[in-house]
Amino acid sequence: MQQISDDMRFRLIKKRKTFYFRILILFLVGLAFYTWLLENKIAYLIIPFIPIIPLLISPYFFYKYIGEVELDENQLSVISRGNEPQTFLLNDIVRINLIYDRQKTNAFFNRFIVKGFVIKLEVESKENTASEYNILLKKNQREQFIELLEKLYKSGVRINERDELGAKCFLLKGNLSYKEIQEIKSKYNLSW
């Protein structure tokens, strides 16, 4: 196995089951803090920022880290806590589906709070097995991930990229023009 840089290791995540319970606890802590502030008369300055507290506590508030996905030009490895590691050689992979779940937030939150976006990774192998994972792509990994995707496209791995609405994407870019699509099809020998 080749040495993989930390930048090609992605966090394997799942949605938290205790999400609503965590919101309730934070709400009650915020309410207790609010009643304390009422006596100090500075509540009017701090109250508008209380709803942002969960996002400031952890940018991954809604997701739980459960392992890592390592991806390089030869293989895809999934190391999950409590499970056996799975390795897929790219020669044995029939198709990789990537479904991007971009955060729908305004520019302020994108810049300071949201640290990346979630990609649903589906791997179909020759053994007729399909595996599904959620990975977190951090903003600082974006360019290297695009370079790796481009190498995979050039090597002939079938990759199907879509956004959360089902629209076709290419190298993390959506809303492609007709001209761009034709250039991509001819350069990478793809059918759209």
N, C-alpha and C. Protein backbone atom coordinates (compact mmCIF):
# COMPACT_ATOMS: atom_id res chain seq x y z
N MET A 1 0.84 -1.19 0.00
CA MET A 1 0.00 0.00 0.00
C MET A 1 0.88 1.24 0.00
N GLN A 2 0.57 2.19 -0.87
CA GLN A 2 1.34 3.41 -0.93
C GLN A 2 1.08 4.27 0.29
N GLN A 3 2.05 5.13 0.59
CA GLN A 3 1.86 6.09 1.67
C GLN A 3 0.89 7.17 1.20
N ILE A 4 -0.18 7.37 1.91
CA ILE A 4 -1.19 8.34 1.53
C ILE A 4 -1.02 9.57 2.41
N SER A 5 -1.01 10.73 1.78
CA SER A 5 -0.89 11.96 2.57
C SER A 5 -2.16 12.17 3.37
N ASP A 6 -2.04 12.96 4.43
CA ASP A 6 -3.20 13.24 5.28
C ASP A 6 -4.30 13.94 4.50
N ASP A 7 -3.94 14.63 3.42
CA ASP A 7 -4.93 15.36 2.66
C ASP A 7 -5.85 14.45 1.87
N MET A 8 -5.48 13.19 1.65
CA MET A 8 -6.34 12.27 0.94
C MET A 8 -7.01 11.29 1.89
N ARG A 9 -7.03 11.66 3.12
CA ARG A 9 -7.80 10.93 4.12
C ARG A 9 -9.01 11.79 4.47
N PHE A 10 -10.17 11.19 4.36
CA PHE A 10 -11.40 11.92 4.61
C PHE A 10 -12.10 11.32 5.81
N ARG A 11 -12.76 12.16 6.54
CA ARG A 11 -13.50 11.68 7.70
C ARG A 11 -14.75 10.94 7.26
N LEU A 12 -14.92 9.76 7.78
CA LEU A 12 -16.12 8.97 7.57
C LEU A 12 -17.10 9.40 8.66
N ILE A 13 -18.29 9.83 8.27
CA ILE A 13 -19.22 10.39 9.24
C ILE A 13 -20.60 9.77 9.11
N LYS A 14 -21.40 10.01 10.11
CA LYS A 14 -22.82 9.68 10.04
C LYS A 14 -23.57 10.75 10.82
N LYS A 15 -24.84 10.89 10.50
CA LYS A 15 -25.64 11.89 11.20
C LYS A 15 -25.84 11.45 12.64
N ARG A 16 -25.82 12.43 13.52
CA ARG A 16 -25.99 12.12 14.94
C ARG A 16 -27.43 11.74 15.22
N LYS A 17 -27.59 10.68 16.00
CA LYS A 17 -28.93 10.26 16.40
C LYS A 17 -29.45 11.11 17.55
N THR A 18 -28.51 11.68 18.32
CA THR A 18 -28.90 12.47 19.48
C THR A 18 -28.97 13.95 19.15
N PHE A 19 -29.20 14.26 17.88
CA PHE A 19 -29.20 15.64 17.44
C PHE A 19 -30.22 16.49 18.21
N TYR A 20 -31.46 16.05 18.30
CA TYR A 20 -32.50 16.84 18.96
C TYR A 20 -32.24 16.96 20.46
N PHE A 21 -31.72 15.91 21.05
CA PHE A 21 -31.39 15.95 22.47
C PHE A 21 -30.29 16.98 22.74
N ARG A 22 -29.31 17.03 21.86
CA ARG A 22 -28.22 18.01 22.01
C ARG A 22 -28.75 19.43 21.86
N ILE A 23 -29.69 19.64 20.94
CA ILE A 23 -30.29 20.96 20.76
C ILE A 23 -31.05 21.35 22.03
N LEU A 24 -31.79 20.40 22.60
CA LEU A 24 -32.54 20.68 23.82
C LEU A 24 -31.61 21.07 24.96
N ILE A 25 -30.52 20.34 25.14
CA ILE A 25 -29.57 20.66 26.21
C ILE A 25 -28.98 22.05 25.99
N LEU A 26 -28.57 22.34 24.78
CA LEU A 26 -28.02 23.66 24.50
C LEU A 26 -29.05 24.76 24.70
N PHE A 27 -30.30 24.48 24.35
CA PHE A 27 -31.36 25.46 24.57
C PHE A 27 -31.56 25.72 26.05
N LEU A 28 -31.56 24.65 26.86
CA LEU A 28 -31.75 24.83 28.30
C LEU A 28 -30.57 25.56 28.94
N VAL A 29 -29.36 25.26 28.48
CA VAL A 29 -28.18 25.98 28.98
C VAL A 29 -28.27 27.45 28.58
N GLY A 30 -28.69 27.70 27.34
CA GLY A 30 -28.86 29.08 26.88
C GLY A 30 -29.93 29.80 27.66
N LEU A 31 -31.03 29.11 27.97
CA LEU A 31 -32.11 29.72 28.76
C LEU A 31 -31.64 30.05 30.17
N ALA A 32 -30.87 29.14 30.78
CA ALA A 32 -30.33 29.41 32.12
C ALA A 32 -29.38 30.60 32.07
N PHE A 33 -28.56 30.66 31.05
CA PHE A 33 -27.64 31.79 30.88
C PHE A 33 -28.41 33.09 30.67
N TYR A 34 -29.50 33.01 29.93
CA TYR A 34 -30.34 34.17 29.67
C TYR A 34 -30.94 34.73 30.96
N THR A 35 -31.47 33.84 31.81
CA THR A 35 -32.06 34.32 33.07
C THR A 35 -31.00 34.94 33.97
N TRP A 36 -29.78 34.41 33.93
CA TRP A 36 -28.71 35.01 34.71
C TRP A 36 -28.36 36.39 34.17
N LEU A 37 -28.37 36.53 32.86
CA LEU A 37 -28.03 37.81 32.24
C LEU A 37 -29.09 38.87 32.48
N LEU A 38 -30.36 38.45 32.64
CA LEU A 38 -31.42 39.43 32.88
C LEU A 38 -31.14 40.24 34.13
N GLU A 39 -30.56 39.62 35.10
CA GLU A 39 -30.22 40.34 36.33
C GLU A 39 -29.06 41.29 36.09
N ASN A 40 -28.20 41.01 35.12
CA ASN A 40 -27.02 41.84 34.86
C ASN A 40 -27.25 42.90 33.79
N LYS A 41 -28.41 42.93 33.16
CA LYS A 41 -28.82 43.94 32.18
C LYS A 41 -27.95 43.98 30.91
N ILE A 42 -27.10 43.00 30.66
CA ILE A 42 -26.37 42.96 29.40
C ILE A 42 -26.96 41.92 28.45
N ALA A 43 -28.11 41.39 28.84
CA ALA A 43 -28.75 40.36 28.03
C ALA A 43 -29.10 40.86 26.65
N TYR A 44 -29.45 42.12 26.53
CA TYR A 44 -29.87 42.64 25.24
C TYR A 44 -28.75 42.65 24.21
N LEU A 45 -27.51 42.63 24.66
CA LEU A 45 -26.38 42.58 23.74
C LEU A 45 -26.02 41.16 23.32
N ILE A 46 -26.27 40.21 24.22
CA ILE A 46 -25.83 38.84 23.97
C ILE A 46 -26.93 37.95 23.39
N ILE A 47 -28.19 38.22 23.66
CA ILE A 47 -29.30 37.36 23.25
C ILE A 47 -29.29 37.06 21.75
N PRO A 48 -29.04 38.02 20.85
CA PRO A 48 -29.08 37.67 19.42
C PRO A 48 -28.03 36.62 18.99
N PHE A 49 -26.98 36.42 19.77
CA PHE A 49 -25.93 35.47 19.40
C PHE A 49 -26.15 34.07 19.97
N ILE A 50 -27.11 33.87 20.84
CA ILE A 50 -27.35 32.56 21.47
C ILE A 50 -27.69 31.48 20.45
N PRO A 51 -28.51 31.73 19.42
CA PRO A 51 -28.79 30.65 18.46
C PRO A 51 -27.57 30.15 17.69
N ILE A 52 -26.50 30.91 17.63
CA ILE A 52 -25.30 30.52 16.89
C ILE A 52 -24.39 29.63 17.73
N ILE A 53 -24.63 29.54 19.02
CA ILE A 53 -23.75 28.80 19.93
C ILE A 53 -23.49 27.35 19.47
N PRO A 54 -24.52 26.58 19.06
CA PRO A 54 -24.22 25.20 18.64
C PRO A 54 -23.23 25.12 17.49
N LEU A 55 -23.32 26.05 16.56
CA LEU A 55 -22.41 26.02 15.41
C LEU A 55 -20.99 26.44 15.81
N LEU A 56 -20.88 27.31 16.80
CA LEU A 56 -19.57 27.74 17.24
C LEU A 56 -18.89 26.69 18.12
N ILE A 57 -19.69 25.88 18.79
CA ILE A 57 -19.12 24.83 19.64
C ILE A 57 -18.41 23.80 18.78
N SER A 58 -19.04 23.40 17.69
CA SER A 58 -18.44 22.41 16.81
C SER A 58 -18.99 22.59 15.40
N PRO A 59 -18.11 22.77 14.43
CA PRO A 59 -18.62 22.86 13.06
C PRO A 59 -19.20 21.54 12.58
N TYR A 60 -18.92 20.45 13.27
CA TYR A 60 -19.45 19.14 12.91
C TYR A 60 -20.53 18.73 13.92
N PHE A 61 -21.29 19.69 14.35
CA PHE A 61 -22.32 19.47 15.36
C PHE A 61 -23.34 18.42 14.92
N PHE A 62 -23.64 18.39 13.63
CA PHE A 62 -24.69 17.52 13.14
C PHE A 62 -24.20 16.14 12.74
N TYR A 63 -22.87 15.93 12.73
CA TYR A 63 -22.29 14.67 12.28
C TYR A 63 -21.37 14.07 13.33
N LYS A 64 -21.26 12.76 13.28
CA LYS A 64 -20.40 12.04 14.20
C LYS A 64 -19.27 11.37 13.40
N TYR A 65 -18.05 11.55 13.85
CA TYR A 65 -16.87 10.96 13.21
C TYR A 65 -16.82 9.48 13.57
N ILE A 66 -16.81 8.60 12.53
CA ILE A 66 -16.83 7.16 12.80
C ILE A 66 -15.68 6.41 12.13
N GLY A 67 -14.78 7.12 11.46
CA GLY A 67 -13.66 6.45 10.81
C GLY A 67 -13.04 7.32 9.74
N GLU A 68 -12.31 6.66 8.83
CA GLU A 68 -11.63 7.37 7.76
C GLU A 68 -11.79 6.62 6.44
N VAL A 69 -11.76 7.39 5.37
CA VAL A 69 -11.71 6.85 4.02
C VAL A 69 -10.41 7.34 3.40
N GLU A 70 -9.60 6.42 2.92
CA GLU A 70 -8.34 6.76 2.28
C GLU A 70 -8.49 6.47 0.79
N LEU A 71 -8.12 7.44 -0.02
CA LEU A 71 -8.30 7.32 -1.46
C LEU A 71 -7.02 7.71 -2.17
N ASP A 72 -6.56 6.84 -3.07
CA ASP A 72 -5.41 7.18 -3.92
C ASP A 72 -5.68 6.65 -5.32
N GLU A 73 -4.69 6.68 -6.17
CA GLU A 73 -4.86 6.29 -7.56
C GLU A 73 -5.05 4.79 -7.77
N ASN A 74 -4.79 3.98 -6.74
CA ASN A 74 -4.85 2.52 -6.90
C ASN A 74 -5.96 1.85 -6.10
N GLN A 75 -6.36 2.46 -4.99
CA GLN A 75 -7.34 1.80 -4.14
C GLN A 75 -8.12 2.79 -3.29
N LEU A 76 -9.21 2.28 -2.75
CA LEU A 76 -10.04 3.03 -1.81
C LEU A 76 -10.15 2.16 -0.56
N SER A 77 -9.76 2.70 0.58
CA SER A 77 -9.81 1.94 1.84
C SER A 77 -10.75 2.65 2.81
N VAL A 78 -11.57 1.84 3.48
CA VAL A 78 -12.50 2.37 4.47
C VAL A 78 -12.15 1.76 5.82
N ILE A 79 -11.81 2.60 6.77
CA ILE A 79 -11.45 2.15 8.11
C ILE A 79 -12.49 2.73 9.05
N SER A 80 -13.39 1.87 9.51
CA SER A 80 -14.48 2.29 10.36
C SER A 80 -14.27 1.74 11.77
N ARG A 81 -14.60 2.54 12.74
CA ARG A 81 -14.45 2.09 14.13
C ARG A 81 -15.34 0.89 14.39
N GLY A 82 -14.76 -0.15 14.92
CA GLY A 82 -15.52 -1.34 15.29
C GLY A 82 -15.79 -2.31 14.15
N ASN A 83 -15.36 -2.00 12.95
CA ASN A 83 -15.57 -2.88 11.80
C ASN A 83 -14.23 -3.22 11.17
N GLU A 84 -14.24 -4.29 10.40
CA GLU A 84 -13.05 -4.68 9.65
C GLU A 84 -12.78 -3.64 8.56
N PRO A 85 -11.52 -3.31 8.32
CA PRO A 85 -11.22 -2.39 7.21
C PRO A 85 -11.60 -3.01 5.88
N GLN A 86 -12.14 -2.19 4.99
CA GLN A 86 -12.50 -2.65 3.65
C GLN A 86 -11.59 -1.96 2.65
N THR A 87 -11.08 -2.72 1.70
CA THR A 87 -10.23 -2.16 0.65
C THR A 87 -10.80 -2.55 -0.70
N PHE A 88 -10.96 -1.55 -1.56
CA PHE A 88 -11.42 -1.76 -2.92
C PHE A 88 -10.30 -1.35 -3.85
N LEU A 89 -9.78 -2.30 -4.65
CA LEU A 89 -8.82 -1.94 -5.68
C LEU A 89 -9.59 -1.27 -6.81
N LEU A 90 -9.03 -0.22 -7.38
CA LEU A 90 -9.75 0.52 -8.41
C LEU A 90 -10.02 -0.33 -9.65
N ASN A 91 -9.19 -1.35 -9.88
CA ASN A 91 -9.44 -2.27 -10.99
C ASN A 91 -10.69 -3.11 -10.77
N ASP A 92 -11.07 -3.31 -9.50
CA ASP A 92 -12.24 -4.12 -9.17
C ASP A 92 -13.51 -3.30 -9.01
N ILE A 93 -13.40 -1.99 -9.14
CA ILE A 93 -14.56 -1.12 -8.95
C ILE A 93 -15.26 -0.91 -10.28
N VAL A 94 -16.57 -1.17 -10.29
CA VAL A 94 -17.37 -0.98 -11.49
C VAL A 94 -17.73 0.50 -11.64
N ARG A 95 -18.15 1.11 -10.53
CA ARG A 95 -18.58 2.51 -10.58
C ARG A 95 -18.43 3.14 -9.20
N ILE A 96 -18.10 4.42 -9.21
CA ILE A 96 -18.11 5.23 -7.99
C ILE A 96 -19.14 6.33 -8.19
N ASN A 97 -20.11 6.40 -7.30
CA ASN A 97 -21.10 7.47 -7.32
C ASN A 97 -20.78 8.47 -6.22
N LEU A 98 -20.73 9.72 -6.58
CA LEU A 98 -20.50 10.79 -5.62
C LEU A 98 -21.70 11.73 -5.64
N ILE A 99 -22.34 11.90 -4.50
CA ILE A 99 -23.49 12.80 -4.40
C ILE A 99 -23.12 13.89 -3.40
N TYR A 100 -23.08 15.11 -3.89
CA TYR A 100 -22.63 16.24 -3.07
C TYR A 100 -23.81 16.85 -2.32
N ASP A 101 -23.60 17.04 -1.03
CA ASP A 101 -24.60 17.68 -0.18
C ASP A 101 -24.00 18.98 0.33
N ARG A 102 -24.13 20.03 -0.46
CA ARG A 102 -23.54 21.31 -0.07
C ARG A 102 -24.41 21.99 0.96
N GLN A 103 -23.75 22.68 1.88
CA GLN A 103 -24.48 23.40 2.92
C GLN A 103 -25.16 24.61 2.29
N LYS A 104 -26.44 24.80 2.61
CA LYS A 104 -27.19 25.95 2.11
C LYS A 104 -27.18 27.04 3.18
N THR A 105 -26.10 27.77 3.23
CA THR A 105 -25.99 28.84 4.20
C THR A 105 -25.50 30.09 3.49
N ASN A 106 -25.63 31.22 4.17
CA ASN A 106 -25.18 32.45 3.54
C ASN A 106 -23.66 32.58 3.61
N ALA A 107 -23.13 33.61 2.98
CA ALA A 107 -21.69 33.76 2.85
C ALA A 107 -20.99 33.86 4.21
N PHE A 108 -21.62 34.49 5.21
CA PHE A 108 -20.99 34.61 6.53
C PHE A 108 -20.73 33.24 7.12
N PHE A 109 -21.75 32.38 7.11
CA PHE A 109 -21.59 31.06 7.70
C PHE A 109 -20.62 30.21 6.89
N ASN A 110 -20.66 30.32 5.55
CA ASN A 110 -19.71 29.56 4.73
C ASN A 110 -18.28 29.93 5.05
N ARG A 111 -18.02 31.19 5.30
CA ARG A 111 -16.66 31.64 5.52
C ARG A 111 -16.16 31.27 6.92
N PHE A 112 -16.98 31.37 7.94
CA PHE A 112 -16.49 31.24 9.30
C PHE A 112 -16.90 29.96 10.02
N ILE A 113 -17.94 29.32 9.61
CA ILE A 113 -18.44 28.19 10.39
C ILE A 113 -18.37 26.88 9.61
N VAL A 114 -18.95 26.83 8.43
CA VAL A 114 -18.99 25.59 7.66
C VAL A 114 -17.59 25.25 7.18
N LYS A 115 -17.11 24.09 7.52
CA LYS A 115 -15.73 23.70 7.22
C LYS A 115 -15.60 22.79 6.01
N GLY A 116 -16.66 22.56 5.29
CA GLY A 116 -16.61 21.69 4.13
C GLY A 116 -18.00 21.25 3.76
N PHE A 117 -18.11 20.14 3.05
CA PHE A 117 -19.42 19.61 2.74
C PHE A 117 -19.37 18.09 2.72
N VAL A 118 -20.54 17.51 2.79
CA VAL A 118 -20.68 16.06 2.89
C VAL A 118 -20.83 15.47 1.49
N ILE A 119 -20.12 14.38 1.26
CA ILE A 119 -20.24 13.64 0.01
C ILE A 119 -20.71 12.23 0.34
N LYS A 120 -21.78 11.84 -0.30
CA LYS A 120 -22.25 10.46 -0.18
C LYS A 120 -21.49 9.65 -1.22
N LEU A 121 -20.72 8.70 -0.77
CA LEU A 121 -19.86 7.89 -1.63
C LEU A 121 -20.46 6.49 -1.74
N GLU A 122 -20.79 6.09 -2.97
CA GLU A 122 -21.31 4.76 -3.23
C GLU A 122 -20.31 4.04 -4.12
N VAL A 123 -19.90 2.84 -3.70
CA VAL A 123 -18.91 2.07 -4.44
C VAL A 123 -19.56 0.75 -4.88
N GLU A 124 -19.54 0.51 -6.18
CA GLU A 124 -20.04 -0.76 -6.73
C GLU A 124 -18.84 -1.53 -7.25
N SER A 125 -18.66 -2.75 -6.75
CA SER A 125 -17.49 -3.55 -7.16
C SER A 125 -17.91 -4.71 -8.05
N LYS A 126 -16.92 -5.41 -8.63
CA LYS A 126 -17.17 -6.53 -9.53
C LYS A 126 -17.84 -7.70 -8.83
N GLU A 127 -17.68 -7.79 -7.53
CA GLU A 127 -18.30 -8.88 -6.78
C GLU A 127 -19.78 -8.63 -6.52
N ASN A 128 -20.36 -7.67 -7.25
CA ASN A 128 -21.78 -7.30 -7.11
C ASN A 128 -22.12 -6.81 -5.71
N THR A 129 -21.17 -6.16 -5.09
CA THR A 129 -21.44 -5.57 -3.79
C THR A 129 -21.48 -4.05 -3.95
N ALA A 130 -22.35 -3.46 -3.20
CA ALA A 130 -22.46 -2.00 -3.19
C ALA A 130 -22.29 -1.53 -1.76
N SER A 131 -21.44 -0.57 -1.56
CA SER A 131 -21.20 -0.02 -0.23
C SER A 131 -21.46 1.48 -0.28
N GLU A 132 -21.98 1.99 0.81
CA GLU A 132 -22.34 3.40 0.86
C GLU A 132 -21.74 4.05 2.10
N TYR A 133 -21.12 5.21 1.92
CA TYR A 133 -20.45 5.92 3.01
C TYR A 133 -20.73 7.41 2.88
N ASN A 134 -20.66 8.11 3.98
CA ASN A 134 -20.71 9.57 3.98
C ASN A 134 -19.34 10.07 4.41
N ILE A 135 -18.74 10.92 3.58
CA ILE A 135 -17.44 11.48 3.94
C ILE A 135 -17.56 12.99 4.00
N LEU A 136 -16.69 13.58 4.78
CA LEU A 136 -16.66 15.03 4.93
C LEU A 136 -15.44 15.55 4.19
N LEU A 137 -15.67 16.36 3.17
CA LEU A 137 -14.60 16.97 2.40
C LEU A 137 -14.38 18.38 2.95
N LYS A 138 -13.22 18.59 3.56
CA LYS A 138 -12.90 19.90 4.12
C LYS A 138 -12.51 20.86 3.00
N LYS A 139 -12.67 22.14 3.27
CA LYS A 139 -12.36 23.15 2.27
C LYS A 139 -10.91 23.08 1.82
N ASN A 140 -9.99 22.79 2.73
CA ASN A 140 -8.57 22.75 2.36
C ASN A 140 -8.20 21.49 1.57
N GLN A 141 -9.11 20.53 1.44
CA GLN A 141 -8.87 19.31 0.67
C GLN A 141 -9.46 19.38 -0.73
N ARG A 142 -10.18 20.41 -1.02
CA ARG A 142 -10.94 20.50 -2.27
C ARG A 142 -10.05 20.37 -3.51
N GLU A 143 -9.01 21.16 -3.61
CA GLU A 143 -8.16 21.16 -4.81
C GLU A 143 -7.48 19.80 -5.02
N GLN A 144 -6.99 19.21 -3.96
CA GLN A 144 -6.33 17.91 -4.08
C GLN A 144 -7.34 16.81 -4.44
N PHE A 145 -8.56 16.94 -3.94
CA PHE A 145 -9.61 15.98 -4.29
C PHE A 145 -9.96 16.09 -5.77
N ILE A 146 -10.01 17.31 -6.28
CA ILE A 146 -10.29 17.53 -7.70
C ILE A 146 -9.19 16.91 -8.55
N GLU A 147 -7.92 17.11 -8.14
CA GLU A 147 -6.79 16.52 -8.88
C GLU A 147 -6.88 14.99 -8.89
N LEU A 148 -7.24 14.41 -7.75
CA LEU A 148 -7.37 12.96 -7.67
C LEU A 148 -8.53 12.47 -8.55
N LEU A 149 -9.66 13.18 -8.52
CA LEU A 149 -10.78 12.80 -9.37
C LEU A 149 -10.38 12.84 -10.85
N GLU A 150 -9.63 13.87 -11.22
CA GLU A 150 -9.20 13.98 -12.61
C GLU A 150 -8.32 12.80 -13.01
N LYS A 151 -7.41 12.39 -12.13
CA LYS A 151 -6.57 11.22 -12.41
C LYS A 151 -7.41 9.96 -12.54
N LEU A 152 -8.44 9.84 -11.71
CA LEU A 152 -9.32 8.67 -11.78
C LEU A 152 -10.10 8.66 -13.09
N TYR A 153 -10.58 9.82 -13.49
CA TYR A 153 -11.28 9.92 -14.79
C TYR A 153 -10.36 9.50 -15.93
N LYS A 154 -9.13 10.00 -15.91
CA LYS A 154 -8.19 9.70 -17.00
C LYS A 154 -7.81 8.22 -17.02
N SER A 155 -7.81 7.57 -15.85
CA SER A 155 -7.45 6.15 -15.80
C SER A 155 -8.63 5.25 -16.18
N GLY A 156 -9.81 5.81 -16.41
CA GLY A 156 -10.94 5.03 -16.89
C GLY A 156 -11.91 4.56 -15.83
N VAL A 157 -11.75 5.00 -14.59
CA VAL A 157 -12.70 4.62 -13.55
C VAL A 157 -14.03 5.33 -13.82
N ARG A 158 -15.12 4.59 -13.80
CA ARG A 158 -16.43 5.20 -14.03
C ARG A 158 -16.87 5.92 -12.77
N ILE A 159 -17.01 7.22 -12.89
CA ILE A 159 -17.42 8.06 -11.77
C ILE A 159 -18.67 8.81 -12.18
N ASN A 160 -19.65 8.79 -11.31
CA ASN A 160 -20.91 9.49 -11.54
C ASN A 160 -21.06 10.55 -10.46
N GLU A 161 -20.91 11.82 -10.82
CA GLU A 161 -21.01 12.91 -9.86
C GLU A 161 -22.37 13.59 -10.01
N ARG A 162 -23.03 13.81 -8.90
CA ARG A 162 -24.33 14.49 -8.88
C ARG A 162 -24.40 15.41 -7.67
N ASP A 163 -25.24 16.43 -7.77
CA ASP A 163 -25.49 17.26 -6.59
C ASP A 163 -26.70 16.71 -5.85
N GLU A 164 -27.12 17.38 -4.78
CA GLU A 164 -28.21 16.85 -3.96
C GLU A 164 -29.55 16.83 -4.69
N LEU A 165 -29.67 17.58 -5.80
CA LEU A 165 -30.91 17.59 -6.58
C LEU A 165 -30.87 16.61 -7.74
N GLY A 166 -29.73 15.94 -7.94
CA GLY A 166 -29.60 14.96 -9.01
C GLY A 166 -28.98 15.50 -10.29
N ALA A 167 -28.61 16.77 -10.31
CA ALA A 167 -27.99 17.35 -11.51
C ALA A 167 -26.55 16.84 -11.65
N LYS A 168 -26.14 16.59 -12.88
CA LYS A 168 -24.80 16.07 -13.18
C LYS A 168 -23.76 17.13 -12.87
N CYS A 169 -22.64 16.70 -12.28
CA CYS A 169 -21.51 17.57 -11.96
C CYS A 169 -20.25 16.94 -12.56
N PHE A 170 -19.19 17.73 -12.59
CA PHE A 170 -17.90 17.21 -13.04
C PHE A 170 -16.81 17.93 -12.26
N LEU A 171 -15.95 17.16 -11.57
CA LEU A 171 -14.86 17.71 -10.75
C LEU A 171 -15.38 18.75 -9.77
N LEU A 172 -16.46 18.41 -9.07
CA LEU A 172 -17.11 19.23 -8.05
C LEU A 172 -17.79 20.48 -8.61
N LYS A 173 -17.87 20.59 -9.91
CA LYS A 173 -18.46 21.78 -10.52
C LYS A 173 -19.79 21.41 -11.16
N GLY A 174 -20.82 22.16 -10.84
CA GLY A 174 -22.13 21.94 -11.42
C GLY A 174 -22.49 23.06 -12.39
N ASN A 175 -23.70 23.01 -12.91
CA ASN A 175 -24.22 24.02 -13.84
C ASN A 175 -23.26 24.25 -15.01
N LEU A 176 -22.89 23.20 -15.67
CA LEU A 176 -21.96 23.30 -16.79
C LEU A 176 -22.70 23.71 -18.06
N SER A 177 -22.06 24.50 -18.87
CA SER A 177 -22.64 24.91 -20.15
C SER A 177 -22.51 23.76 -21.16
N TYR A 178 -23.23 23.88 -22.26
CA TYR A 178 -23.19 22.87 -23.31
C TYR A 178 -21.76 22.72 -23.84
N LYS A 179 -21.09 23.84 -24.04
CA LYS A 179 -19.72 23.81 -24.57
C LYS A 179 -18.78 23.09 -23.60
N GLU A 180 -18.90 23.37 -22.30
CA GLU A 180 -18.06 22.70 -21.30
C GLU A 180 -18.31 21.20 -21.29
N ILE A 181 -19.56 20.81 -21.41
CA ILE A 181 -19.92 19.39 -21.41
C ILE A 181 -19.29 18.68 -22.62
N GLN A 182 -19.34 19.32 -23.78
CA GLN A 182 -18.77 18.72 -24.99
C GLN A 182 -17.25 18.58 -24.87
N GLU A 183 -16.59 19.58 -24.27
CA GLU A 183 -15.14 19.50 -24.07
C GLU A 183 -14.78 18.37 -23.11
N ILE A 184 -15.57 18.23 -22.03
CA ILE A 184 -15.33 17.16 -21.05
C ILE A 184 -15.52 15.79 -21.71
N LYS A 185 -16.58 15.64 -22.49
CA LYS A 185 -16.87 14.36 -23.15
C LYS A 185 -15.74 13.95 -24.10
N SER A 186 -15.21 14.91 -24.83
CA SER A 186 -14.14 14.57 -25.77
C SER A 186 -12.80 14.35 -25.05
N LYS A 187 -12.52 15.13 -24.03
CA LYS A 187 -11.22 15.01 -23.33
C LYS A 187 -11.12 13.72 -22.54
N TYR A 188 -12.21 13.33 -21.86
CA TYR A 188 -12.16 12.18 -20.96
C TYR A 188 -12.89 10.96 -21.53
N ASN A 189 -13.41 11.06 -22.76
CA ASN A 189 -14.10 9.95 -23.41
C ASN A 189 -15.27 9.44 -22.55
N LEU A 190 -16.13 10.39 -22.17
CA LEU A 190 -17.26 10.09 -21.30
C LEU A 190 -18.57 10.20 -22.07
N SER A 191 -19.56 9.46 -21.61
CA SER A 191 -20.92 9.68 -22.10
C SER A 191 -21.66 10.44 -21.00
N TRP A 192 -22.37 11.43 -21.35
CA TRP A 192 -23.04 12.30 -20.37
C TRP A 192 -24.39 11.74 -20.14
